[in-house]
Amino acid sequence: MDPIYLEGSGAALVNVHPLPIFSILDHHGRRDAGQERVLGALLGHVHNGVVEVTDAFGVYHEQVYDAETGAGEILVRRTSLFQMLELHRKVNPRESVVGWYSTDAGGGVAAGGAAGAPAAKRTDEFTIVVHEFFQQAAGAGAAPVHLLVDVSLRTQSVGLYAHRSVNNALLKK
């Protein structure tokens, strides 16, 4: 499989092996009724600036909305993430968290606020909060990859889009 170039990161590459793609698609297919997307951890390693994604597993989350205020929050079970990671490391001790994934079926809103935008351009509060969560889970100094999997079936292939946050010196305190 051809490596995926990280959005806006220059020379960094992400190699996604077939197994995590099938795991993500299976997770999306088994999601609860009414659930728009699923998320999970990407496992693998980084070597010479290339992120190798060799496995993935789902992480339970729930989006809760307050009807009166319109505010929402995302609840992620941190303990279940670390329990799954501990079990996985018994089988594959060299793999660690290199990022996270989410699926998109075309129902989200683009960064510019336009519905129906390509999945590669979709970002929202959900993405930012979950990315911060996985950044903490990956450890200090880590730059986790966000793999967005477009499952809308608008084309004959499944779109994979890799994103990574970049530190901005202007935002430092």
N, C-alpha and C. Protein backbone atom coordinates (compact mmCIF):
# COMPACT_ATOMS: atom_id res chain seq x y z
N MET A 1 0.85 -1.17 0.00
CA MET A 1 0.00 0.00 0.00
C MET A 1 0.89 1.23 0.00
N ASP A 2 0.52 2.23 -0.76
CA ASP A 2 1.30 3.46 -0.82
C ASP A 2 1.21 4.19 0.51
N PRO A 3 2.30 4.82 0.93
CA PRO A 3 2.25 5.58 2.18
C PRO A 3 1.34 6.79 2.03
N ILE A 4 0.78 7.22 3.12
CA ILE A 4 -0.08 8.40 3.14
C ILE A 4 0.75 9.56 3.66
N TYR A 5 0.73 10.67 2.96
CA TYR A 5 1.45 11.84 3.43
C TYR A 5 0.59 12.57 4.44
N LEU A 6 1.21 12.99 5.52
CA LEU A 6 0.48 13.73 6.54
C LEU A 6 0.10 15.10 6.01
N GLU A 7 -1.10 15.51 6.26
CA GLU A 7 -1.59 16.82 5.82
C GLU A 7 -0.75 17.92 6.45
N GLY A 8 -0.16 18.76 5.65
CA GLY A 8 0.53 19.95 6.13
C GLY A 8 1.78 19.69 6.94
N SER A 9 2.43 18.54 6.77
CA SER A 9 3.57 18.25 7.62
C SER A 9 4.86 18.06 6.85
N GLY A 10 4.87 18.32 5.57
CA GLY A 10 6.11 18.18 4.81
C GLY A 10 6.44 16.75 4.48
N ALA A 11 7.56 16.25 5.00
CA ALA A 11 8.09 14.97 4.58
C ALA A 11 7.62 13.77 5.40
N ALA A 12 6.86 13.97 6.44
CA ALA A 12 6.45 12.84 7.28
C ALA A 12 5.51 11.92 6.52
N LEU A 13 5.69 10.62 6.71
CA LEU A 13 4.88 9.60 6.05
C LEU A 13 4.16 8.74 7.06
N VAL A 14 3.05 8.17 6.63
CA VAL A 14 2.32 7.21 7.43
C VAL A 14 2.07 5.99 6.56
N ASN A 15 2.56 4.84 6.98
CA ASN A 15 2.27 3.58 6.31
C ASN A 15 1.19 2.87 7.12
N VAL A 16 0.06 2.65 6.50
CA VAL A 16 -1.04 1.96 7.19
C VAL A 16 -1.14 0.56 6.60
N HIS A 17 -0.92 -0.43 7.43
CA HIS A 17 -1.02 -1.82 6.99
C HIS A 17 -2.49 -2.19 6.81
N PRO A 18 -2.79 -3.25 6.08
CA PRO A 18 -4.19 -3.62 5.82
C PRO A 18 -4.99 -3.98 7.07
N LEU A 19 -4.38 -4.65 8.05
CA LEU A 19 -5.11 -5.09 9.24
C LEU A 19 -5.84 -3.96 9.96
N PRO A 20 -5.19 -2.81 10.23
CA PRO A 20 -5.93 -1.74 10.91
C PRO A 20 -7.10 -1.20 10.08
N ILE A 21 -6.95 -1.18 8.78
CA ILE A 21 -8.06 -0.69 7.94
C ILE A 21 -9.27 -1.60 8.09
N PHE A 22 -9.04 -2.92 8.03
CA PHE A 22 -10.15 -3.86 8.20
C PHE A 22 -10.74 -3.77 9.60
N SER A 23 -9.91 -3.57 10.62
CA SER A 23 -10.41 -3.41 11.99
C SER A 23 -11.30 -2.18 12.12
N ILE A 24 -10.86 -1.09 11.49
CA ILE A 24 -11.64 0.16 11.55
C ILE A 24 -12.97 0.01 10.83
N LEU A 25 -12.94 -0.59 9.65
CA LEU A 25 -14.18 -0.78 8.89
C LEU A 25 -15.14 -1.72 9.63
N ASP A 26 -14.60 -2.76 10.27
CA ASP A 26 -15.42 -3.67 11.06
C ASP A 26 -16.03 -2.94 12.25
N HIS A 27 -15.23 -2.11 12.92
CA HIS A 27 -15.72 -1.33 14.05
C HIS A 27 -16.85 -0.41 13.61
N HIS A 28 -16.67 0.26 12.46
CA HIS A 28 -17.71 1.16 11.96
C HIS A 28 -18.99 0.39 11.62
N GLY A 29 -18.83 -0.78 11.03
CA GLY A 29 -19.99 -1.58 10.67
C GLY A 29 -20.77 -2.10 11.86
N ARG A 30 -20.11 -2.23 13.00
CA ARG A 30 -20.74 -2.76 14.22
C ARG A 30 -21.15 -1.66 15.22
N ARG A 31 -21.07 -0.40 14.80
CA ARG A 31 -21.38 0.70 15.71
C ARG A 31 -22.85 0.64 16.14
N ASP A 32 -23.13 1.30 17.26
CA ASP A 32 -24.49 1.35 17.78
C ASP A 32 -25.39 2.13 16.83
N ALA A 33 -26.67 1.80 16.85
CA ALA A 33 -27.65 2.52 16.03
C ALA A 33 -27.65 3.99 16.44
N GLY A 34 -27.62 4.86 15.46
CA GLY A 34 -27.62 6.29 15.72
C GLY A 34 -26.25 6.89 15.94
N GLN A 35 -25.23 6.07 16.05
CA GLN A 35 -23.88 6.57 16.25
C GLN A 35 -23.30 6.96 14.89
N GLU A 36 -22.89 8.24 14.78
CA GLU A 36 -22.39 8.75 13.50
C GLU A 36 -21.02 8.20 13.15
N ARG A 37 -20.15 8.11 14.13
CA ARG A 37 -18.77 7.70 13.87
C ARG A 37 -18.23 6.91 15.04
N VAL A 38 -17.14 6.25 14.78
CA VAL A 38 -16.45 5.50 15.82
C VAL A 38 -15.03 6.03 15.93
N LEU A 39 -14.39 5.73 17.03
CA LEU A 39 -13.00 6.12 17.19
C LEU A 39 -12.25 5.02 17.90
N GLY A 40 -10.93 5.07 17.74
CA GLY A 40 -10.11 4.06 18.38
C GLY A 40 -8.64 4.43 18.32
N ALA A 41 -7.82 3.56 18.87
CA ALA A 41 -6.39 3.78 18.95
C ALA A 41 -5.68 3.12 17.77
N LEU A 42 -4.66 3.81 17.26
CA LEU A 42 -3.77 3.27 16.24
C LEU A 42 -2.49 2.82 16.93
N LEU A 43 -2.06 1.62 16.64
CA LEU A 43 -0.86 1.07 17.26
C LEU A 43 0.20 0.83 16.21
N GLY A 44 1.44 0.94 16.62
CA GLY A 44 2.54 0.70 15.71
C GLY A 44 3.82 1.27 16.28
N HIS A 45 4.64 1.83 15.39
CA HIS A 45 5.90 2.42 15.82
C HIS A 45 6.32 3.49 14.82
N VAL A 46 7.29 4.31 15.23
CA VAL A 46 7.83 5.36 14.38
C VAL A 46 9.30 5.06 14.17
N HIS A 47 9.71 5.06 12.91
CA HIS A 47 11.11 4.79 12.59
C HIS A 47 11.56 5.73 11.48
N ASN A 48 12.59 6.53 11.76
CA ASN A 48 13.12 7.50 10.79
C ASN A 48 12.05 8.44 10.24
N GLY A 49 11.17 8.89 11.10
CA GLY A 49 10.14 9.84 10.70
C GLY A 49 8.94 9.22 9.99
N VAL A 50 8.93 7.89 9.81
CA VAL A 50 7.81 7.20 9.17
C VAL A 50 6.98 6.51 10.24
N VAL A 51 5.70 6.82 10.28
CA VAL A 51 4.78 6.20 11.24
C VAL A 51 4.24 4.92 10.59
N GLU A 52 4.51 3.79 11.23
CA GLU A 52 4.01 2.49 10.77
C GLU A 52 2.80 2.13 11.62
N VAL A 53 1.63 2.09 11.03
CA VAL A 53 0.41 1.70 11.74
C VAL A 53 0.15 0.24 11.42
N THR A 54 0.30 -0.61 12.44
CA THR A 54 0.21 -2.05 12.23
C THR A 54 -1.04 -2.68 12.84
N ASP A 55 -1.73 -1.96 13.71
CA ASP A 55 -2.93 -2.52 14.33
C ASP A 55 -3.80 -1.38 14.86
N ALA A 56 -5.01 -1.71 15.22
CA ALA A 56 -5.95 -0.72 15.76
C ALA A 56 -6.99 -1.44 16.61
N PHE A 57 -7.53 -0.73 17.57
CA PHE A 57 -8.66 -1.26 18.32
C PHE A 57 -9.59 -0.11 18.69
N GLY A 58 -10.87 -0.43 18.80
CA GLY A 58 -11.88 0.57 19.10
C GLY A 58 -11.84 1.02 20.54
N VAL A 59 -12.23 2.26 20.76
CA VAL A 59 -12.31 2.83 22.10
C VAL A 59 -13.73 3.36 22.27
N TYR A 60 -14.37 2.94 23.34
CA TYR A 60 -15.74 3.37 23.58
C TYR A 60 -15.78 4.86 23.89
N HIS A 61 -16.73 5.54 23.28
CA HIS A 61 -16.94 6.95 23.59
C HIS A 61 -18.43 7.24 23.47
N GLU A 62 -18.81 8.34 24.06
CA GLU A 62 -20.21 8.76 24.02
C GLU A 62 -20.25 10.28 23.92
N GLN A 63 -21.08 10.77 23.02
CA GLN A 63 -21.27 12.21 22.91
C GLN A 63 -22.56 12.56 23.64
N VAL A 64 -22.45 13.47 24.60
CA VAL A 64 -23.59 13.87 25.42
C VAL A 64 -23.90 15.33 25.13
N TYR A 65 -25.17 15.61 24.84
CA TYR A 65 -25.59 16.98 24.55
C TYR A 65 -26.62 17.44 25.57
N ASP A 66 -26.52 18.69 25.98
CA ASP A 66 -27.49 19.31 26.87
C ASP A 66 -28.47 20.07 25.99
N ALA A 67 -29.71 19.63 25.96
CA ALA A 67 -30.72 20.21 25.08
C ALA A 67 -31.00 21.68 25.40
N GLU A 68 -30.89 22.06 26.67
CA GLU A 68 -31.18 23.44 27.07
C GLU A 68 -30.10 24.41 26.62
N THR A 69 -28.84 24.05 26.84
CA THR A 69 -27.75 24.96 26.53
C THR A 69 -27.14 24.72 25.15
N GLY A 70 -27.39 23.53 24.57
CA GLY A 70 -26.80 23.19 23.28
C GLY A 70 -25.34 22.77 23.39
N ALA A 71 -24.83 22.74 24.61
CA ALA A 71 -23.43 22.36 24.82
C ALA A 71 -23.32 20.83 24.80
N GLY A 72 -22.17 20.38 24.42
CA GLY A 72 -21.94 18.94 24.38
C GLY A 72 -20.57 18.60 24.92
N GLU A 73 -20.42 17.35 25.26
CA GLU A 73 -19.12 16.88 25.70
C GLU A 73 -18.94 15.45 25.23
N ILE A 74 -17.69 15.03 25.19
CA ILE A 74 -17.34 13.70 24.74
C ILE A 74 -16.79 12.94 25.92
N LEU A 75 -17.36 11.78 26.17
CA LEU A 75 -16.91 10.94 27.26
C LEU A 75 -16.15 9.75 26.67
N VAL A 76 -14.88 9.65 27.00
CA VAL A 76 -14.04 8.55 26.54
C VAL A 76 -13.60 7.78 27.77
N ARG A 77 -13.72 6.47 27.70
CA ARG A 77 -13.32 5.64 28.84
C ARG A 77 -11.82 5.42 28.82
N ARG A 78 -11.12 6.26 29.55
CA ARG A 78 -9.66 6.21 29.59
C ARG A 78 -9.16 4.86 30.13
N THR A 79 -9.84 4.33 31.15
CA THR A 79 -9.40 3.06 31.72
C THR A 79 -9.51 1.93 30.71
N SER A 80 -10.55 1.92 29.90
CA SER A 80 -10.69 0.85 28.91
C SER A 80 -9.61 0.95 27.84
N LEU A 81 -9.19 2.17 27.49
CA LEU A 81 -8.10 2.34 26.53
C LEU A 81 -6.83 1.71 27.08
N PHE A 82 -6.49 2.03 28.32
CA PHE A 82 -5.25 1.52 28.90
C PHE A 82 -5.31 0.03 29.20
N GLN A 83 -6.51 -0.49 29.52
CA GLN A 83 -6.65 -1.93 29.71
C GLN A 83 -6.43 -2.68 28.40
N MET A 84 -7.02 -2.17 27.30
CA MET A 84 -6.83 -2.78 25.99
C MET A 84 -5.38 -2.69 25.56
N LEU A 85 -4.75 -1.56 25.82
CA LEU A 85 -3.35 -1.39 25.46
C LEU A 85 -2.46 -2.36 26.24
N GLU A 86 -2.75 -2.54 27.51
CA GLU A 86 -1.98 -3.48 28.33
C GLU A 86 -2.13 -4.91 27.80
N LEU A 87 -3.35 -5.31 27.45
CA LEU A 87 -3.57 -6.64 26.89
C LEU A 87 -2.85 -6.80 25.54
N HIS A 88 -2.91 -5.77 24.73
CA HIS A 88 -2.27 -5.82 23.41
C HIS A 88 -0.75 -5.94 23.55
N ARG A 89 -0.19 -5.27 24.51
CA ARG A 89 1.27 -5.31 24.71
C ARG A 89 1.77 -6.67 25.17
N LYS A 90 0.89 -7.50 25.73
CA LYS A 90 1.29 -8.85 26.09
C LYS A 90 1.59 -9.67 24.84
N VAL A 91 0.90 -9.36 23.77
CA VAL A 91 1.11 -10.07 22.51
C VAL A 91 2.14 -9.36 21.64
N ASN A 92 2.08 -8.04 21.58
CA ASN A 92 2.98 -7.22 20.76
C ASN A 92 3.64 -6.15 21.62
N PRO A 93 4.68 -6.49 22.37
CA PRO A 93 5.28 -5.53 23.31
C PRO A 93 5.96 -4.34 22.63
N ARG A 94 6.30 -4.45 21.36
CA ARG A 94 7.00 -3.35 20.68
C ARG A 94 6.06 -2.29 20.14
N GLU A 95 4.76 -2.57 20.08
CA GLU A 95 3.82 -1.59 19.55
C GLU A 95 3.37 -0.63 20.64
N SER A 96 3.17 0.61 20.25
CA SER A 96 2.66 1.61 21.18
C SER A 96 1.63 2.46 20.45
N VAL A 97 0.98 3.34 21.17
CA VAL A 97 -0.03 4.22 20.57
C VAL A 97 0.69 5.25 19.69
N VAL A 98 0.36 5.25 18.40
CA VAL A 98 0.94 6.23 17.48
C VAL A 98 -0.10 7.23 17.00
N GLY A 99 -1.35 7.03 17.42
CA GLY A 99 -2.39 7.96 17.03
C GLY A 99 -3.77 7.39 17.29
N TRP A 100 -4.74 7.93 16.56
CA TRP A 100 -6.12 7.51 16.73
C TRP A 100 -6.83 7.61 15.40
N TYR A 101 -7.98 6.95 15.32
CA TYR A 101 -8.77 7.00 14.10
C TYR A 101 -10.20 7.40 14.41
N SER A 102 -10.85 7.91 13.41
CA SER A 102 -12.29 8.13 13.46
C SER A 102 -12.83 7.89 12.06
N THR A 103 -14.10 7.56 12.00
CA THR A 103 -14.74 7.35 10.70
C THR A 103 -15.65 8.52 10.38
N ASP A 104 -15.90 8.71 9.10
CA ASP A 104 -16.78 9.78 8.65
C ASP A 104 -17.64 9.23 7.52
N ALA A 105 -18.94 9.33 7.69
CA ALA A 105 -19.86 8.83 6.67
C ALA A 105 -20.48 9.96 5.87
N GLY A 106 -19.94 11.16 6.00
CA GLY A 106 -20.44 12.28 5.20
C GLY A 106 -21.46 13.14 5.89
N GLY A 107 -21.73 12.89 7.16
CA GLY A 107 -22.75 13.67 7.84
C GLY A 107 -22.22 14.83 8.65
N GLY A 108 -20.89 14.97 8.71
CA GLY A 108 -20.28 16.00 9.54
C GLY A 108 -20.28 17.36 8.88
N VAL A 109 -19.71 18.32 9.55
CA VAL A 109 -19.63 19.68 9.04
C VAL A 109 -18.17 20.02 8.84
N ALA A 110 -17.87 20.66 7.74
CA ALA A 110 -16.48 21.00 7.42
C ALA A 110 -15.98 22.11 8.31
N ALA A 111 -14.66 22.30 8.30
CA ALA A 111 -14.04 23.35 9.11
C ALA A 111 -14.62 24.70 8.78
N GLY A 112 -14.98 24.92 7.53
CA GLY A 112 -15.56 26.19 7.12
C GLY A 112 -17.05 26.28 7.38
N GLY A 113 -17.63 25.21 7.94
CA GLY A 113 -19.04 25.23 8.28
C GLY A 113 -19.96 24.67 7.20
N ALA A 114 -19.40 24.17 6.08
CA ALA A 114 -20.22 23.67 4.99
C ALA A 114 -20.42 22.17 5.13
N ALA A 115 -21.67 21.74 5.14
CA ALA A 115 -21.97 20.32 5.19
C ALA A 115 -21.64 19.70 3.84
N GLY A 116 -21.30 18.42 3.86
CA GLY A 116 -21.02 17.71 2.62
C GLY A 116 -19.63 17.94 2.07
N ALA A 117 -18.75 18.57 2.81
CA ALA A 117 -17.37 18.80 2.35
C ALA A 117 -16.62 17.48 2.37
N PRO A 118 -15.54 17.37 1.59
CA PRO A 118 -14.76 16.14 1.61
C PRO A 118 -14.28 15.83 3.02
N ALA A 119 -14.22 14.54 3.33
CA ALA A 119 -13.85 14.12 4.68
C ALA A 119 -12.48 14.64 5.09
N ALA A 120 -11.56 14.78 4.16
CA ALA A 120 -10.21 15.23 4.49
C ALA A 120 -10.21 16.62 5.10
N LYS A 121 -11.22 17.41 4.82
CA LYS A 121 -11.26 18.79 5.31
C LYS A 121 -12.14 18.95 6.54
N ARG A 122 -12.70 17.86 7.07
CA ARG A 122 -13.59 17.96 8.21
C ARG A 122 -12.83 18.01 9.51
N THR A 123 -13.17 18.98 10.30
CA THR A 123 -12.63 19.07 11.65
C THR A 123 -13.65 19.82 12.49
N ASP A 124 -13.76 19.45 13.73
CA ASP A 124 -14.72 20.10 14.61
C ASP A 124 -14.22 19.99 16.04
N GLU A 125 -15.03 20.39 17.00
CA GLU A 125 -14.63 20.35 18.39
C GLU A 125 -14.32 18.92 18.82
N PHE A 126 -15.09 17.97 18.30
CA PHE A 126 -14.88 16.55 18.58
C PHE A 126 -13.43 16.16 18.27
N THR A 127 -12.98 16.53 17.08
CA THR A 127 -11.63 16.18 16.64
C THR A 127 -10.58 16.77 17.56
N ILE A 128 -10.73 18.01 17.92
CA ILE A 128 -9.74 18.68 18.76
C ILE A 128 -9.67 18.06 20.15
N VAL A 129 -10.80 17.81 20.77
CA VAL A 129 -10.84 17.25 22.11
C VAL A 129 -10.26 15.83 22.13
N VAL A 130 -10.67 15.01 21.16
CA VAL A 130 -10.18 13.64 21.13
C VAL A 130 -8.69 13.60 20.82
N HIS A 131 -8.23 14.49 19.95
CA HIS A 131 -6.81 14.54 19.63
C HIS A 131 -5.99 14.88 20.88
N GLU A 132 -6.47 15.83 21.67
CA GLU A 132 -5.78 16.16 22.92
C GLU A 132 -5.74 14.97 23.87
N PHE A 133 -6.84 14.21 23.92
CA PHE A 133 -6.90 13.02 24.77
C PHE A 133 -5.84 12.01 24.33
N PHE A 134 -5.74 11.74 23.03
CA PHE A 134 -4.77 10.76 22.54
C PHE A 134 -3.34 11.30 22.61
N GLN A 135 -3.18 12.61 22.57
CA GLN A 135 -1.85 13.18 22.73
C GLN A 135 -1.35 12.91 24.15
N GLN A 136 -2.23 13.03 25.13
CA GLN A 136 -1.86 12.71 26.51
C GLN A 136 -1.60 11.22 26.67
N ALA A 137 -2.41 10.38 26.00
CA ALA A 137 -2.25 8.92 26.10
C ALA A 137 -0.94 8.46 25.45
N ALA A 138 -0.52 9.13 24.38
CA ALA A 138 0.69 8.73 23.66
C ALA A 138 1.95 9.11 24.44
N GLY A 139 1.84 10.07 25.33
CA GLY A 139 2.99 10.44 26.16
C GLY A 139 3.57 11.79 25.79
N ALA A 140 4.43 12.28 26.67
CA ALA A 140 5.03 13.60 26.50
C ALA A 140 5.87 13.66 25.22
N GLY A 141 5.70 14.73 24.48
CA GLY A 141 6.48 14.95 23.26
C GLY A 141 5.96 14.20 22.04
N ALA A 142 4.92 13.40 22.19
CA ALA A 142 4.39 12.64 21.07
C ALA A 142 3.54 13.53 20.16
N ALA A 143 3.52 13.20 18.89
CA ALA A 143 2.68 13.89 17.91
C ALA A 143 1.81 12.83 17.25
N PRO A 144 0.70 12.45 17.90
CA PRO A 144 -0.11 11.36 17.36
C PRO A 144 -0.76 11.71 16.02
N VAL A 145 -0.94 10.69 15.22
CA VAL A 145 -1.58 10.81 13.92
C VAL A 145 -3.09 10.64 14.11
N HIS A 146 -3.87 11.44 13.41
CA HIS A 146 -5.31 11.22 13.35
C HIS A 146 -5.61 10.69 11.96
N LEU A 147 -6.08 9.46 11.89
CA LEU A 147 -6.44 8.84 10.63
C LEU A 147 -7.95 8.93 10.47
N LEU A 148 -8.38 9.73 9.51
CA LEU A 148 -9.80 9.88 9.23
C LEU A 148 -10.14 8.93 8.08
N VAL A 149 -11.10 8.06 8.32
CA VAL A 149 -11.48 7.06 7.33
C VAL A 149 -12.86 7.44 6.79
N ASP A 150 -12.90 7.77 5.50
CA ASP A 150 -14.15 8.17 4.84
C ASP A 150 -14.88 6.91 4.40
N VAL A 151 -15.98 6.61 5.06
CA VAL A 151 -16.77 5.42 4.76
C VAL A 151 -18.07 5.76 4.05
N SER A 152 -18.12 6.94 3.42
CA SER A 152 -19.35 7.41 2.78
C SER A 152 -19.69 6.63 1.52
N LEU A 153 -18.72 5.95 0.93
CA LEU A 153 -18.90 5.19 -0.31
C LEU A 153 -19.37 6.06 -1.47
N ARG A 154 -18.95 7.33 -1.47
CA ARG A 154 -19.23 8.21 -2.60
C ARG A 154 -18.34 7.89 -3.80
N THR A 155 -17.25 7.19 -3.53
CA THR A 155 -16.34 6.75 -4.58
C THR A 155 -16.19 5.24 -4.47
N GLN A 156 -15.39 4.67 -5.35
CA GLN A 156 -15.21 3.22 -5.33
C GLN A 156 -14.14 2.78 -4.35
N SER A 157 -13.59 3.70 -3.60
CA SER A 157 -12.56 3.34 -2.63
C SER A 157 -12.86 4.01 -1.29
N VAL A 158 -12.20 3.49 -0.27
CA VAL A 158 -12.32 4.07 1.06
C VAL A 158 -11.21 5.10 1.20
N GLY A 159 -11.58 6.34 1.50
CA GLY A 159 -10.59 7.41 1.64
C GLY A 159 -9.92 7.37 3.00
N LEU A 160 -8.59 7.47 3.01
CA LEU A 160 -7.82 7.54 4.24
C LEU A 160 -7.08 8.87 4.25
N TYR A 161 -7.24 9.64 5.32
CA TYR A 161 -6.61 10.94 5.43
C TYR A 161 -5.88 11.03 6.76
N ALA A 162 -4.58 11.25 6.71
CA ALA A 162 -3.78 11.33 7.93
C ALA A 162 -3.54 12.80 8.28
N HIS A 163 -3.76 13.13 9.54
CA HIS A 163 -3.56 14.49 10.04
C HIS A 163 -2.69 14.43 11.28
N ARG A 164 -1.94 15.50 11.51
CA ARG A 164 -1.14 15.60 12.72
C ARG A 164 -1.12 17.05 13.15
N SER A 165 -1.20 17.28 14.44
CA SER A 165 -1.14 18.66 14.91
C SER A 165 0.31 19.14 14.87
N VAL A 166 0.47 20.41 14.65
CA VAL A 166 1.80 21.02 14.60
C VAL A 166 1.83 22.12 15.64
N ASN A 167 2.88 22.13 16.47
CA ASN A 167 3.01 23.18 17.48
C ASN A 167 3.17 24.53 16.82
N ASN A 168 2.52 25.52 17.38
CA ASN A 168 2.58 26.87 16.86
C ASN A 168 3.22 27.76 17.93
N ALA A 169 4.39 28.32 17.62
CA ALA A 169 5.12 29.13 18.59
C ALA A 169 4.32 30.36 19.02
N LEU A 170 3.43 30.84 18.17
CA LEU A 170 2.64 32.03 18.51
C LEU A 170 1.63 31.76 19.61
N LEU A 171 1.24 30.48 19.76
CA LEU A 171 0.22 30.13 20.75
C LEU A 171 0.81 29.75 22.10
N LYS A 172 2.13 29.66 22.20
CA LYS A 172 2.76 29.29 23.47
C LYS A 172 2.68 30.43 24.46
N LYS A 173 2.51 30.09 25.71
CA LYS A 173 2.40 31.11 26.77
C LYS A 173 3.77 31.46 27.28
